[in-house]
Protein backbone atom coordinates (compact mmCIF):
# COMPACT_ATOMS: atom_id res chain seq x y z
CA MET A 1 235.23 168.99 158.93
CA ARG A 2 235.43 167.87 155.46
CA ALA A 3 232.21 165.46 155.95
CA CYS A 4 230.53 168.58 157.68
CA ARG A 5 231.58 171.27 154.72
CA PHE A 6 229.65 168.30 152.41
CA ASP A 7 226.81 167.82 154.59
CA GLY A 8 226.30 171.89 154.57
CA ASN A 9 226.89 172.03 150.68
CA ARG A 10 224.72 169.34 149.90
CA SER A 11 221.82 171.50 152.26
CA ILE A 12 222.17 174.59 150.14
CA ILE A 13 221.89 173.04 147.30
CA LEU A 14 219.24 170.95 148.09
CA ALA A 15 217.23 173.90 149.28
CA ARG A 16 218.40 175.91 146.26
CA LEU A 17 216.92 172.95 144.00
CA ALA A 18 213.63 173.28 145.99
CA MET A 19 213.61 176.62 145.47
CA PHE A 20 213.91 176.78 141.55
CA ALA A 21 211.05 173.86 141.53
CA ALA A 22 208.52 176.21 143.14
CA THR A 23 209.46 179.47 140.91
CA LEU A 24 208.82 177.35 138.07
CA LEU A 25 205.09 175.96 139.04
CA LEU A 26 204.44 179.65 139.73
CA LEU A 27 205.68 180.63 135.79
CA VAL A 28 203.88 177.15 134.61
CA PRO A 29 200.07 178.59 133.80
CA ALA A 30 197.13 176.74 136.04
CA SER A 31 195.39 175.04 133.05
CA ASP A 32 199.17 173.26 132.51
CA ALA A 33 199.57 172.41 136.07
CA ALA A 34 195.97 170.96 136.45
CA GLU A 35 193.72 171.16 134.12
CA LYS A 36 190.29 172.93 135.21
CA VAL A 37 187.33 171.02 134.98
CA ALA A 38 184.18 173.40 133.70
CA HIS A 39 180.86 172.95 135.70
CA ILE A 40 177.71 173.16 133.00
CA ARG A 41 174.76 173.43 134.36
CA VAL A 42 171.71 172.34 131.81
CA ILE A 43 168.01 173.69 132.60
CA ALA A 44 165.78 172.01 130.24
CA VAL A 45 161.92 171.93 130.69
CA SER A 46 160.75 169.89 127.63
CA VAL A 47 163.61 167.81 126.23
CA SER A 48 164.44 164.42 128.19
CA GLU A 49 168.20 163.33 128.88
CA GLN A 50 167.32 160.84 125.93
CA SER A 51 166.29 163.07 123.45
CA ASP A 52 168.05 163.87 120.29
CA GLU A 53 168.65 167.71 121.96
CA ALA A 54 170.72 166.31 124.73
CA MET A 55 172.90 164.09 122.60
CA ALA A 56 173.08 166.59 120.09
CA PHE A 57 174.84 169.08 123.11
CA ARG A 58 176.87 166.39 124.07
CA GLN A 59 178.37 165.74 120.34
CA GLY A 60 178.79 169.56 119.96
CA LEU A 61 180.89 169.41 123.15
CA ARG A 62 182.75 166.56 121.67
CA ASP A 63 183.51 168.10 118.57
CA ALA A 64 184.73 171.21 120.28
CA GLY A 65 187.11 168.84 122.05
CA HIS A 66 185.60 168.40 124.92
CA ALA A 67 184.77 165.08 127.02
CA GLU A 68 182.61 164.66 129.61
CA GLY A 69 184.10 164.03 133.35
CA ARG A 70 187.82 165.14 132.04
CA ASP A 71 187.38 168.53 131.55
CA VAL A 72 183.31 169.08 131.87
CA ILE A 73 180.99 168.39 134.05
CA ILE A 74 176.75 168.53 132.66
CA ASP A 75 174.44 169.12 135.55
CA TRP A 76 171.08 168.28 133.80
CA TRP A 77 168.13 169.52 135.12
CA PHE A 78 164.82 168.37 133.40
CA GLY A 79 161.14 169.90 134.03
CA SER A 80 159.06 167.50 131.94
CA GLY A 81 157.25 170.41 130.37
CA ARG A 82 156.59 172.24 133.71
CA TYR A 83 157.10 175.49 134.14
CA ASP A 84 156.30 175.95 137.89
CA ARG A 85 158.81 173.59 138.54
CA VAL A 86 161.74 176.00 136.79
CA PRO A 87 162.46 177.64 140.07
CA GLU A 88 163.72 174.64 141.86
CA ALA A 89 166.13 174.68 138.88
CA VAL A 90 167.98 177.89 139.80
CA ALA A 91 167.40 177.89 143.63
CA ASP A 92 170.53 176.31 144.11
CA LEU A 93 172.66 177.65 141.94
CA ALA A 94 174.41 179.77 144.54
CA GLN A 95 175.48 176.51 146.14
CA ARG A 96 176.28 174.64 143.09
CA LYS A 97 178.27 177.22 141.84
CA PRO A 98 178.31 176.10 137.71
CA ASP A 99 180.65 177.89 135.48
CA LEU A 100 178.02 178.27 132.81
CA ILE A 101 174.41 177.77 132.40
CA VAL A 102 172.62 176.73 129.13
CA VAL A 103 169.13 177.29 129.06
CA GLU A 104 165.95 175.71 127.12
CA SER A 105 163.30 177.68 126.99
CA THR A 106 162.43 181.77 127.73
CA PRO A 107 161.08 181.03 130.99
CA ALA A 108 164.31 178.99 132.17
CA ALA A 109 166.57 182.32 130.53
CA LEU A 110 164.83 184.50 132.69
CA ALA A 111 164.80 182.57 135.87
CA ALA A 112 168.51 181.66 135.35
CA LYS A 113 168.93 185.73 134.94
CA ARG A 114 166.91 186.85 137.60
CA ALA A 115 169.20 184.40 139.55
CA THR A 116 172.72 185.69 138.40
CA SER A 117 174.06 188.36 136.71
CA THR A 118 177.53 186.74 136.44
CA VAL A 119 177.00 183.49 135.37
CA PRO A 120 177.57 183.14 131.50
CA ILE A 121 174.01 182.15 130.33
CA VAL A 122 173.86 180.19 126.86
CA MET A 123 170.39 180.04 125.51
CA ALA A 124 169.24 177.06 123.07
CA LEU A 125 165.90 177.49 122.04
CA VAL A 126 164.63 181.14 122.91
CA SER A 127 162.20 182.55 120.59
CA ASP A 128 162.09 186.27 121.61
CA PRO A 129 165.50 187.08 123.40
CA VAL A 130 164.91 191.10 122.89
CA GLY A 131 161.28 191.36 123.73
CA ALA A 132 161.74 188.96 126.87
CA GLY A 133 164.27 191.49 128.05
CA LEU A 134 167.19 188.72 127.88
CA VAL A 135 169.51 190.76 125.76
CA ALA A 136 169.97 194.72 124.40
CA SER A 137 169.79 193.42 121.19
CA LEU A 138 170.96 190.48 118.79
CA ALA A 139 173.99 191.74 117.76
CA ARG A 140 175.30 193.34 120.97
CA PRO A 141 173.32 191.63 123.44
CA GLY A 142 175.30 192.85 126.35
CA GLY A 143 175.24 191.10 130.23
CA ASN A 144 175.69 187.73 130.83
CA VAL A 145 173.34 186.16 128.30
CA THR A 146 173.62 184.92 124.74
CA GLY A 147 173.13 182.12 122.33
CA LEU A 148 170.38 181.24 119.97
CA THR A 149 166.75 181.66 118.98
CA ASN A 150 164.48 179.80 117.27
CA GLN A 151 162.27 182.61 116.08
CA THR A 152 159.23 180.88 116.90
CA VAL A 153 157.59 183.81 117.24
CA ASP A 154 158.19 184.83 113.40
CA LEU A 155 157.33 181.60 112.00
CA ALA A 156 154.14 181.54 113.63
CA ALA A 157 152.25 183.34 110.94
CA LYS A 158 153.89 181.71 108.57
CA ARG A 159 152.93 178.12 109.70
CA LEU A 160 149.16 179.16 109.63
CA GLN A 161 149.72 179.93 106.23
CA LEU A 162 151.00 176.66 105.29
CA LEU A 163 148.26 175.28 107.14
CA LYS A 164 146.15 177.17 104.68
CA GLU A 165 147.48 175.97 101.49
CA ALA A 166 147.94 172.23 102.67
CA ILE A 167 143.95 171.99 103.26
CA PRO A 168 142.86 175.19 101.01
CA GLY A 169 138.98 174.73 102.49
CA ALA A 170 139.96 175.08 105.92
CA ARG A 171 138.16 178.13 107.44
CA ARG A 172 137.86 176.81 110.82
CA VAL A 173 140.96 176.50 113.12
CA VAL A 174 141.22 176.52 116.41
CA VAL A 175 144.59 177.70 118.08
CA MET A 176 145.68 176.09 121.12
CA PHE A 177 147.99 177.74 123.29
CA ASN A 178 149.95 177.79 127.11
CA PRO A 179 148.57 181.18 128.40
CA GLU A 180 151.57 180.92 131.02
CA THR A 181 154.41 181.34 128.35
CA ARG A 182 155.37 184.97 127.59
CA PRO A 183 156.35 184.74 123.97
CA ASN A 184 152.66 183.12 123.02
CA ARG A 185 150.87 186.67 123.98
CA THR A 186 153.04 188.01 120.85
CA MET A 187 152.61 184.84 118.66
CA ILE A 188 148.63 185.10 119.20
CA SER A 189 148.81 188.68 118.46
CA ARG A 190 150.72 187.70 114.93
CA ILE A 191 148.71 185.26 114.33
CA LYS A 192 145.39 187.37 115.13
CA GLU A 193 146.82 189.84 112.43
CA ALA A 194 147.50 187.23 109.64
CA ALA A 195 144.12 185.38 109.86
CA PRO A 196 141.55 187.73 107.63
CA GLY A 197 144.17 187.73 105.07
CA ILE A 198 144.82 184.20 104.80
CA GLY A 199 141.09 183.38 104.95
CA VAL A 200 140.26 181.42 108.44
CA GLN A 201 138.39 182.39 111.58
CA LEU A 202 140.19 181.49 114.98
CA LYS A 203 138.61 180.19 117.91
CA PHE A 204 141.42 180.12 120.96
CA ILE A 205 141.65 177.72 123.60
CA SER A 206 144.29 178.55 126.65
CA VAL A 207 145.70 174.99 128.13
CA ARG A 208 147.85 175.27 131.16
CA ASP A 209 148.44 171.62 132.55
CA ALA A 210 147.47 168.16 130.74
CA GLU A 211 144.22 168.11 132.42
CA GLU A 212 142.86 171.22 130.58
CA LEU A 213 144.83 169.51 127.64
CA ARG A 214 142.17 166.35 127.72
CA SER A 215 139.21 168.99 128.33
CA ALA A 216 140.06 171.33 125.60
CA PHE A 217 139.60 168.38 122.66
CA SER A 218 136.08 167.51 124.37
CA GLY A 219 133.61 168.37 121.48
CA LEU A 220 135.98 169.42 118.87
CA ASP A 221 135.79 167.30 115.43
CA ARG A 222 135.33 167.95 111.53
CA SER A 223 132.15 169.02 112.25
CA ASN A 224 132.84 172.05 113.92
CA VAL A 225 136.61 172.35 113.18
CA ASP A 226 138.97 171.90 110.34
CA ALA A 227 142.15 172.34 111.63
CA LEU A 228 144.01 172.51 115.19
CA PHE A 229 146.94 174.71 114.99
CA ILE A 230 148.99 174.64 118.48
CA VAL A 231 151.23 177.05 119.13
CA ASP A 232 154.99 175.44 120.39
CA ASP A 233 156.36 175.89 123.55
CA ALA A 234 158.07 173.50 126.07
CA PHE A 235 155.02 172.31 128.07
CA MET A 236 153.17 171.61 124.75
CA THR A 237 156.24 169.56 123.32
CA SER A 238 156.02 167.75 126.76
CA GLN A 239 152.46 166.79 126.09
CA GLY A 240 152.56 165.85 121.91
CA GLU A 241 152.26 162.39 122.36
CA GLU A 242 148.84 163.24 124.47
CA PHE A 243 147.56 166.01 122.11
CA LEU A 244 148.46 163.98 119.28
CA GLN A 245 146.13 161.06 120.32
CA LEU A 246 143.60 163.29 121.28
CA GLY A 247 143.69 164.76 117.51
CA MET A 248 143.81 161.54 116.17
CA LYS A 249 140.64 160.26 117.83
CA ALA A 250 138.89 163.87 117.33
CA ARG A 251 140.08 163.22 113.56
CA LEU A 252 141.66 166.53 113.42
CA PRO A 253 144.44 167.60 111.40
CA LEU A 254 147.49 169.32 113.22
CA VAL A 255 150.03 171.82 112.62
CA TYR A 256 152.92 172.15 114.76
CA ALA A 257 156.45 173.09 115.33
CA HIS A 258 158.16 169.99 116.38
CA LYS A 259 159.42 167.85 113.55
CA PRO A 260 159.51 164.09 115.71
CA LEU A 261 155.44 164.82 116.04
CA ALA A 262 155.29 165.26 112.62
CA ARG A 263 156.68 162.14 111.83
CA LYS A 264 154.54 160.37 114.35
CA GLY A 265 151.12 162.01 112.76
CA VAL A 266 151.02 165.51 113.10
CA LEU A 267 149.97 166.32 109.49
CA LEU A 268 152.37 169.72 109.11
CA SER A 269 155.63 171.11 111.14
CA TYR A 270 157.59 173.94 110.28
CA ALA A 271 160.54 175.04 112.47
CA VAL A 272 163.87 175.16 112.71
CA ASP A 273 165.91 171.78 113.50
CA HIS A 274 165.66 172.22 117.14
CA PRO A 275 169.30 169.16 117.92
CA ALA A 276 170.72 171.26 115.63
CA LEU A 277 170.47 174.34 117.85
CA PHE A 278 171.48 172.50 120.85
CA ARG A 279 174.63 171.28 118.86
CA ARG A 280 175.46 175.12 118.11
CA ALA A 281 175.04 176.71 121.91
CA ALA A 282 177.38 173.73 122.55
CA GLY A 283 179.77 176.10 120.42
CA TYR A 284 178.73 178.89 122.27
CA VAL A 285 179.69 176.96 125.33
CA ASP A 286 183.08 176.41 124.27
CA ARG A 287 184.10 179.94 123.13
CA ILE A 288 182.96 181.31 126.41
CA LEU A 289 184.74 178.67 128.24
CA LYS A 290 188.21 179.65 126.24
CA GLY A 291 187.60 182.90 127.62
CA ALA A 292 184.89 184.85 125.07
CA LYS A 293 182.21 187.27 127.21
CA PRO A 294 178.88 186.54 126.65
CA GLY A 295 177.55 189.83 125.89
CA ASP A 296 180.12 190.25 123.01
CA LEU A 297 178.90 187.35 121.34
CA PRO A 298 175.72 188.03 118.55
CA VAL A 299 172.92 185.96 119.26
CA GLU A 300 172.56 183.93 116.02
CA GLN A 301 169.42 183.44 114.33
CA PRO A 302 168.75 180.11 112.60
CA THR A 303 168.99 180.33 108.45
CA LYS A 304 167.18 177.35 107.51
CA PHE A 305 163.82 176.27 108.52
CA GLU A 306 162.49 172.76 107.95
CA LEU A 307 158.74 172.26 106.26
CA VAL A 308 157.78 168.71 107.01
CA ILE A 309 154.24 166.82 105.72
CA ASN A 310 152.63 163.44 106.63
CA LEU A 311 151.36 162.27 103.63
CA GLN A 312 150.13 159.32 105.77
CA THR A 313 148.13 160.99 108.50
CA ALA A 314 146.68 163.03 105.42
CA LYS A 315 145.15 160.40 103.51
CA ALA A 316 144.14 158.77 107.31
CA LEU A 317 141.97 161.87 107.35
CA GLY A 318 140.54 162.04 103.69
CA LEU A 319 142.86 165.00 102.61
CA THR A 320 144.71 165.92 99.54
CA ILE A 321 147.73 168.19 99.76
CA PRO A 322 148.54 169.91 96.63
CA GLN A 323 151.24 168.94 94.57
CA SER A 324 153.02 172.34 94.76
CA LEU A 325 153.30 172.21 98.50
CA LEU A 326 154.20 168.56 98.61
CA GLN A 327 157.16 169.46 96.00
CA ARG A 328 158.34 172.30 98.28
CA ALA A 329 158.55 170.18 101.40
CA ASP A 330 161.99 168.87 102.75
CA GLU A 331 160.69 166.13 104.25
CA VAL A 332 157.42 163.73 103.37
CA ILE A 333 156.38 160.90 105.56
CA GLN A 334 154.61 158.19 102.71
């Protein structure tokens, strides 16, 4: 009888211990019991996996304490500069079920917003988020979209002014642009308004693909053009090496917004530091993963713009850049 009572008591004790353990598990937060792995979908039209922008984004996540494979999984999509492929980047979002989406360009941001109104979207290189209808305002975005703007629309006229300062004798400027990019329409308007005051005459050539880009350079040289102004977007950035080679062959000074191309031969660039924006985009990702709502996070505007001048290119083209402009440059390629 004693053995029976002992066995019965032991059973009761074990049952109570099991209930107590189960209660403790219910009280422990899920983040402590098993850390959630966040799925981040990155839609990049122009940058590549080995680009400075991609590396900066990864570094930004590491700086915030995140590690790939441990608490975040980055699901990259690269479009090689082709906007027509963007729909395929968002077509399977319902199946992938990301916790957050990072977008590099305006077309990618618009496609992602059409695809979901609930998954947070962080912009990295969007030029005019208010004008594009992505956010209600920079200070109060509302909805599920926030992030950073590179303000390239606002910089277009300034870049044209810098071209004129670099080449005071320039009168005839060809403006090459992709008409498929929505913010480019605003940039073209800004450039047209600024041209008379700057003292240049503009000729516009639209380019939608690599074939049109090569065709656009046909017949262009220093006999009929003083400089070439490339309106920046993801497609043009992806074709940077191509238009740089074509421009050098035609002996035309090029102005663009992408600093790496200025280091390779573009005469002048003036823009924000793109990798820095991607690194800061990782900060938005961190805040949202920790519970912040996208609509409550103001869109960040850049405060530093970099002027890069390639003096080697200037000398090769027989141009003399005014010393006053060289002194203002953030970087001069000797």
